[in-house]
Amino acid sequence: MFTELSPGRRELLRVLADLLTTADFQSWPYGSDLQKRFTERGLPGTRPALRAYVGLPTEGEDPTAPLPDPWEALRNP
């Protein structure tokens, strides 16, 4: 839980939630393994969910929405 984290960790997560974009949470090949690293540590794995977790506005984004599939455009119909 966010309130159980040290003040330094809470501030770091607030800064990350403010700076990271949705694309930063995309998995490879279009992004990074950030989403995996966050979820392995019990943290939210999307930008809006992280923003909601730290108490920042989600700017109209759904915190419960999954990340888009980066391969969707390449899949056969």
N, C-alpha and C. Protein backbone atom coordinates (compact mmCIF):
# COMPACT_ATOMS: atom_id res chain seq x y z
N MET A 1 0.84 -1.17 0.00
CA MET A 1 0.00 0.00 0.00
C MET A 1 0.89 1.24 0.00
N PHE A 2 0.44 2.25 -0.71
CA PHE A 2 1.21 3.47 -0.91
C PHE A 2 1.56 4.15 0.41
N THR A 3 0.63 4.22 1.32
CA THR A 3 0.87 4.92 2.59
C THR A 3 1.89 4.21 3.46
N GLU A 4 2.13 2.95 3.21
CA GLU A 4 3.11 2.18 4.00
C GLU A 4 4.54 2.36 3.50
N LEU A 5 4.70 2.97 2.32
CA LEU A 5 6.03 3.19 1.78
C LEU A 5 6.72 4.34 2.51
N SER A 6 8.04 4.34 2.47
CA SER A 6 8.80 5.44 3.08
C SER A 6 8.50 6.73 2.32
N PRO A 7 8.70 7.88 2.96
CA PRO A 7 8.44 9.15 2.27
C PRO A 7 9.24 9.28 0.97
N GLY A 8 10.47 8.83 0.95
CA GLY A 8 11.28 8.92 -0.26
C GLY A 8 10.72 8.08 -1.38
N ARG A 9 10.24 6.89 -1.07
CA ARG A 9 9.65 6.02 -2.11
C ARG A 9 8.33 6.59 -2.61
N ARG A 10 7.55 7.15 -1.70
CA ARG A 10 6.29 7.77 -2.14
C ARG A 10 6.57 8.92 -3.09
N GLU A 11 7.55 9.75 -2.76
CA GLU A 11 7.88 10.89 -3.62
C GLU A 11 8.41 10.40 -4.97
N LEU A 12 9.26 9.38 -4.96
CA LEU A 12 9.79 8.84 -6.21
C LEU A 12 8.65 8.33 -7.10
N LEU A 13 7.70 7.60 -6.52
CA LEU A 13 6.57 7.10 -7.31
C LEU A 13 5.71 8.25 -7.84
N ARG A 14 5.53 9.30 -7.04
CA ARG A 14 4.77 10.47 -7.52
C ARG A 14 5.46 11.11 -8.72
N VAL A 15 6.79 11.26 -8.63
CA VAL A 15 7.53 11.86 -9.74
C VAL A 15 7.43 10.98 -10.98
N LEU A 16 7.62 9.67 -10.81
CA LEU A 16 7.51 8.76 -11.95
C LEU A 16 6.11 8.79 -12.55
N ALA A 17 5.10 8.79 -11.71
CA ALA A 17 3.71 8.82 -12.20
C ALA A 17 3.44 10.10 -12.97
N ASP A 18 4.11 11.18 -12.58
CA ASP A 18 3.91 12.45 -13.26
C ASP A 18 4.67 12.52 -14.58
N LEU A 19 5.83 11.88 -14.66
CA LEU A 19 6.69 11.99 -15.84
C LEU A 19 6.47 10.91 -16.89
N LEU A 20 6.15 9.70 -16.47
CA LEU A 20 6.02 8.59 -17.41
C LEU A 20 4.80 8.74 -18.30
N THR A 21 4.90 8.25 -19.50
CA THR A 21 3.78 8.27 -20.43
C THR A 21 3.21 6.86 -20.57
N THR A 22 2.09 6.75 -21.22
CA THR A 22 1.50 5.44 -21.47
C THR A 22 2.46 4.58 -22.28
N ALA A 23 3.17 5.17 -23.22
CA ALA A 23 4.12 4.43 -24.05
C ALA A 23 5.25 3.84 -23.22
N ASP A 24 5.62 4.49 -22.12
CA ASP A 24 6.68 3.96 -21.27
C ASP A 24 6.30 2.62 -20.65
N PHE A 25 5.03 2.36 -20.52
CA PHE A 25 4.57 1.10 -19.93
C PHE A 25 4.34 0.00 -20.96
N GLN A 26 4.46 0.34 -22.25
CA GLN A 26 4.30 -0.66 -23.30
C GLN A 26 5.45 -1.66 -23.23
N SER A 27 5.14 -2.89 -23.50
CA SER A 27 6.18 -3.92 -23.50
C SER A 27 7.00 -3.85 -24.78
N TRP A 28 8.13 -4.49 -24.76
CA TRP A 28 8.99 -4.56 -25.92
C TRP A 28 8.19 -5.20 -27.05
N PRO A 29 8.26 -4.83 -28.26
CA PRO A 29 9.30 -4.07 -28.93
C PRO A 29 9.06 -2.56 -28.94
N TYR A 30 7.89 -2.09 -28.49
CA TYR A 30 7.58 -0.67 -28.60
C TYR A 30 7.90 0.12 -27.34
N GLY A 31 8.21 -0.54 -26.28
CA GLY A 31 8.46 0.15 -25.03
C GLY A 31 9.60 -0.47 -24.26
N SER A 32 9.34 -0.75 -23.00
CA SER A 32 10.38 -1.28 -22.13
C SER A 32 9.78 -2.39 -21.28
N ASP A 33 10.55 -2.86 -20.31
CA ASP A 33 10.02 -3.85 -19.38
C ASP A 33 9.56 -3.18 -18.09
N LEU A 34 9.27 -1.88 -18.15
CA LEU A 34 8.85 -1.14 -16.98
C LEU A 34 7.57 -1.71 -16.37
N GLN A 35 6.61 -2.03 -17.21
CA GLN A 35 5.35 -2.60 -16.71
C GLN A 35 5.61 -3.88 -15.94
N LYS A 36 6.47 -4.73 -16.46
CA LYS A 36 6.81 -5.98 -15.79
C LYS A 36 7.49 -5.70 -14.45
N ARG A 37 8.43 -4.77 -14.44
CA ARG A 37 9.15 -4.44 -13.20
C ARG A 37 8.22 -3.88 -12.14
N PHE A 38 7.29 -3.05 -12.54
CA PHE A 38 6.35 -2.49 -11.58
C PHE A 38 5.45 -3.59 -11.00
N THR A 39 4.87 -4.41 -11.87
CA THR A 39 3.94 -5.42 -11.38
C THR A 39 4.63 -6.50 -10.55
N GLU A 40 5.88 -6.80 -10.84
CA GLU A 40 6.63 -7.77 -10.03
C GLU A 40 6.78 -7.28 -8.58
N ARG A 41 6.75 -5.97 -8.41
CA ARG A 41 6.91 -5.38 -7.07
C ARG A 41 5.58 -5.00 -6.44
N GLY A 42 4.49 -5.44 -7.07
CA GLY A 42 3.18 -5.18 -6.52
C GLY A 42 2.66 -3.77 -6.79
N LEU A 43 3.27 -3.09 -7.76
CA LEU A 43 2.84 -1.74 -8.11
C LEU A 43 1.96 -1.79 -9.36
N PRO A 44 1.16 -0.76 -9.58
CA PRO A 44 0.32 -0.73 -10.78
C PRO A 44 1.16 -0.76 -12.05
N GLY A 45 0.66 -1.42 -13.08
CA GLY A 45 1.42 -1.61 -14.31
C GLY A 45 0.99 -0.76 -15.47
N THR A 46 0.17 0.26 -15.23
CA THR A 46 -0.20 1.20 -16.29
C THR A 46 -0.06 2.62 -15.76
N ARG A 47 0.09 3.57 -16.66
CA ARG A 47 0.23 4.97 -16.25
C ARG A 47 -0.97 5.47 -15.45
N PRO A 48 -2.21 5.29 -15.94
CA PRO A 48 -3.33 5.81 -15.16
C PRO A 48 -3.49 5.11 -13.81
N ALA A 49 -3.20 3.81 -13.76
CA ALA A 49 -3.30 3.09 -12.49
C ALA A 49 -2.24 3.58 -11.51
N LEU A 50 -1.03 3.86 -11.99
CA LEU A 50 0.02 4.38 -11.12
C LEU A 50 -0.36 5.77 -10.63
N ARG A 51 -0.89 6.60 -11.52
CA ARG A 51 -1.31 7.95 -11.12
C ARG A 51 -2.41 7.88 -10.06
N ALA A 52 -3.36 7.01 -10.24
CA ALA A 52 -4.42 6.85 -9.24
C ALA A 52 -3.84 6.34 -7.92
N TYR A 53 -2.90 5.42 -7.99
CA TYR A 53 -2.26 4.83 -6.81
C TYR A 53 -1.58 5.90 -5.94
N VAL A 54 -0.93 6.87 -6.59
CA VAL A 54 -0.21 7.90 -5.84
C VAL A 54 -1.06 9.13 -5.57
N GLY A 55 -2.32 9.14 -6.05
CA GLY A 55 -3.22 10.23 -5.76
C GLY A 55 -3.19 11.37 -6.77
N LEU A 56 -2.65 11.12 -7.96
CA LEU A 56 -2.64 12.13 -9.02
C LEU A 56 -3.85 11.92 -9.92
N PRO A 57 -4.32 12.97 -10.59
CA PRO A 57 -5.45 12.79 -11.52
C PRO A 57 -5.05 11.90 -12.69
N THR A 58 -6.01 11.14 -13.17
CA THR A 58 -5.75 10.23 -14.28
C THR A 58 -6.05 10.87 -15.63
N GLU A 59 -6.44 12.13 -15.64
CA GLU A 59 -6.65 12.89 -16.87
C GLU A 59 -7.58 12.19 -17.85
N GLY A 60 -8.66 11.64 -17.36
CA GLY A 60 -9.63 10.99 -18.22
C GLY A 60 -9.28 9.58 -18.64
N GLU A 61 -8.14 9.06 -18.19
CA GLU A 61 -7.75 7.70 -18.53
C GLU A 61 -8.37 6.72 -17.53
N ASP A 62 -8.69 5.55 -18.00
CA ASP A 62 -9.29 4.52 -17.14
C ASP A 62 -8.18 3.76 -16.42
N PRO A 63 -8.07 3.89 -15.08
CA PRO A 63 -7.00 3.19 -14.36
C PRO A 63 -7.11 1.67 -14.41
N THR A 64 -8.28 1.15 -14.78
CA THR A 64 -8.43 -0.30 -14.83
C THR A 64 -8.25 -0.86 -16.24
N ALA A 65 -8.05 0.01 -17.22
CA ALA A 65 -7.90 -0.45 -18.61
C ALA A 65 -6.55 -1.14 -18.80
N PRO A 66 -6.54 -2.26 -19.51
CA PRO A 66 -5.26 -2.92 -19.79
C PRO A 66 -4.46 -2.14 -20.84
N LEU A 67 -3.19 -2.44 -20.93
CA LEU A 67 -2.37 -1.84 -21.96
C LEU A 67 -2.80 -2.35 -23.33
N PRO A 68 -2.73 -1.51 -24.35
CA PRO A 68 -3.05 -1.99 -25.70
C PRO A 68 -2.04 -3.05 -26.16
N ASP A 69 -2.49 -3.92 -27.03
CA ASP A 69 -1.62 -4.96 -27.58
C ASP A 69 -0.73 -4.36 -28.66
N PRO A 70 0.60 -4.30 -28.44
CA PRO A 70 1.46 -3.67 -29.45
C PRO A 70 1.53 -4.45 -30.76
N TRP A 71 1.11 -5.69 -30.77
CA TRP A 71 1.16 -6.52 -31.98
C TRP A 71 -0.16 -6.53 -32.74
N GLU A 72 -1.18 -5.87 -32.22
CA GLU A 72 -2.51 -5.94 -32.82
C GLU A 72 -2.52 -5.58 -34.30
N ALA A 73 -1.79 -4.55 -34.69
CA ALA A 73 -1.78 -4.12 -36.09
C ALA A 73 -1.15 -5.15 -37.02
N LEU A 74 -0.33 -6.04 -36.48
CA LEU A 74 0.35 -7.03 -37.30
C LEU A 74 -0.33 -8.38 -37.34
N ARG A 75 -1.36 -8.55 -36.54
CA ARG A 75 -2.07 -9.84 -36.50
C ARG A 75 -2.93 -9.99 -37.73
N ASN A 76 -3.11 -11.22 -38.18
CA ASN A 76 -3.99 -11.51 -39.31
C ASN A 76 -5.45 -11.42 -38.85
N PRO A 77 -6.31 -10.83 -39.67
CA PRO A 77 -7.73 -10.72 -39.28
C PRO A 77 -8.44 -12.05 -39.29
